[in-house]
Amino acid sequence: MTHVEDTYAEAFRSLYAEVLVTARNHKWLEHAANAATGHASSTIMCDCEAGVDRYLNEDETPDGRPGVVLQFMCRGFARTACRHWRSRCWRGSVKTC
């Protein structure tokens, strides 16, 4: 048995988002998750890193459908870009974006 000491951490000036996606069934949920995160795999070689955080059952989502929580991290934004996105998208509701 090997003990792994979790000491790894990254520090980038970045914007982070967590998005809940629901779909009619698991087939369409998987298509949506793959389409949203499929090309965003590394902060080193692309503008956005994305991935599946967790899957949710029907009883865990607001509309009673299967769901997936996606996470996105975009790095390299200047301070003005960060202020711009915060003012447009984070006014207390994602629907304002």
Protein backbone atom coordinates (compact mmCIF):
# COMPACT_ATOMS: atom_id res chain seq x y z
CA MET A 1 0.00 0.00 0.00
CA THR A 2 1.33 3.44 -0.96
CA HIS A 3 0.45 6.65 0.80
CA VAL A 4 -0.14 9.56 -1.60
CA GLU A 5 0.33 13.01 -0.15
CA ASP A 6 -1.94 15.44 -2.00
CA THR A 7 0.17 18.59 -2.26
CA TYR A 8 -0.35 19.60 -5.90
CA ALA A 9 -1.91 22.99 -6.62
CA GLU A 10 -2.09 25.34 -9.59
CA ALA A 11 -2.39 29.11 -9.43
CA PHE A 12 -3.59 30.97 -12.50
CA ARG A 13 -5.50 34.21 -12.87
CA SER A 14 -8.64 32.56 -14.19
CA LEU A 15 -12.40 32.58 -14.48
CA TYR A 16 -14.20 29.50 -13.23
CA ALA A 17 -17.73 28.34 -13.89
CA GLU A 18 -19.80 25.36 -12.85
CA VAL A 19 -22.79 24.56 -15.06
CA LEU A 20 -25.66 22.13 -14.51
CA VAL A 21 -26.93 20.50 -17.72
CA THR A 22 -30.01 18.27 -17.85
CA ALA A 23 -31.33 16.18 -20.73
CA ARG A 24 -34.22 13.97 -21.73
CA ASN A 25 -32.24 10.78 -21.08
CA HIS A 26 -28.70 9.55 -20.38
CA LYS A 27 -27.87 9.23 -24.09
CA TRP A 28 -28.54 12.92 -24.77
CA LEU A 29 -26.91 13.91 -21.49
CA GLU A 30 -23.71 12.16 -22.56
CA HIS A 31 -23.84 13.88 -25.99
CA ALA A 32 -24.24 17.28 -24.30
CA ALA A 33 -21.39 16.68 -21.85
CA ASN A 34 -19.06 15.48 -24.60
CA ALA A 35 -19.93 18.39 -26.88
CA ALA A 36 -19.38 20.95 -24.13
CA THR A 37 -16.11 19.54 -22.76
CA GLY A 38 -14.64 17.45 -25.56
CA HIS A 39 -12.09 19.92 -26.96
CA ALA A 40 -11.15 21.69 -23.74
CA SER A 41 -8.59 19.40 -22.21
CA SER A 42 -5.56 21.41 -21.14
CA THR A 43 -4.86 24.91 -19.87
CA ILE A 44 -1.44 24.73 -21.47
CA MET A 45 -2.57 24.31 -25.08
CA CYS A 46 -6.12 25.68 -25.18
CA ASP A 47 -8.04 28.71 -23.93
CA CYS A 48 -10.43 26.79 -21.70
CA GLU A 49 -10.15 23.67 -19.58
CA ALA A 50 -13.41 21.79 -19.06
CA GLY A 51 -14.61 18.52 -17.66
CA VAL A 52 -17.36 16.57 -15.97
CA ASP A 53 -17.45 17.10 -12.22
CA ARG A 54 -20.28 14.72 -11.37
CA TYR A 55 -23.47 13.12 -12.66
CA LEU A 56 -26.79 13.74 -10.93
CA ASN A 57 -29.85 11.52 -10.61
CA GLU A 58 -33.30 12.74 -11.55
CA ASP A 59 -34.13 13.47 -7.91
CA GLU A 60 -31.09 15.81 -7.64
CA THR A 61 -31.95 18.18 -10.52
CA PRO A 62 -34.45 21.06 -10.57
CA ASP A 63 -36.42 19.67 -13.54
CA GLY A 64 -36.40 15.99 -12.56
CA ARG A 65 -34.23 14.88 -15.50
CA PRO A 66 -30.80 13.23 -15.48
CA GLY A 67 -28.06 15.83 -15.03
CA VAL A 68 -24.36 16.49 -15.18
CA VAL A 69 -22.31 19.23 -13.52
CA LEU A 70 -19.64 20.61 -15.86
CA GLN A 71 -16.72 22.76 -14.78
CA PHE A 72 -14.94 25.32 -16.96
CA MET A 73 -11.74 27.23 -16.28
CA CYS A 74 -10.55 29.98 -18.61
CA ARG A 75 -7.15 31.47 -17.89
CA GLY A 76 -5.12 34.34 -19.26
CA PHE A 77 -7.75 37.05 -18.99
CA ALA A 78 -6.64 40.60 -18.38
CA ARG A 79 -8.18 42.38 -15.41
CA THR A 80 -10.48 44.36 -17.69
CA ALA A 81 -11.79 41.17 -19.28
CA CYS A 82 -12.49 39.72 -15.83
CA ARG A 83 -14.40 42.85 -14.83
CA HIS A 84 -16.33 42.73 -18.11
CA TRP A 85 -17.44 39.11 -17.64
CA ARG A 86 -18.31 39.62 -13.99
CA SER A 87 -20.45 42.64 -14.78
CA ARG A 88 -22.29 40.84 -17.60
CA CYS A 89 -22.73 37.32 -16.26
CA TRP A 90 -22.62 37.29 -12.48
CA ARG A 91 -25.42 39.59 -11.40
CA GLY A 92 -26.87 36.94 -9.16
CA SER A 93 -28.31 34.81 -11.96
CA VAL A 94 -26.83 32.84 -14.81
CA LYS A 95 -29.86 33.77 -16.93
CA THR A 96 -28.54 37.32 -17.32
CA CYS A 97 -25.55 36.09 -19.29
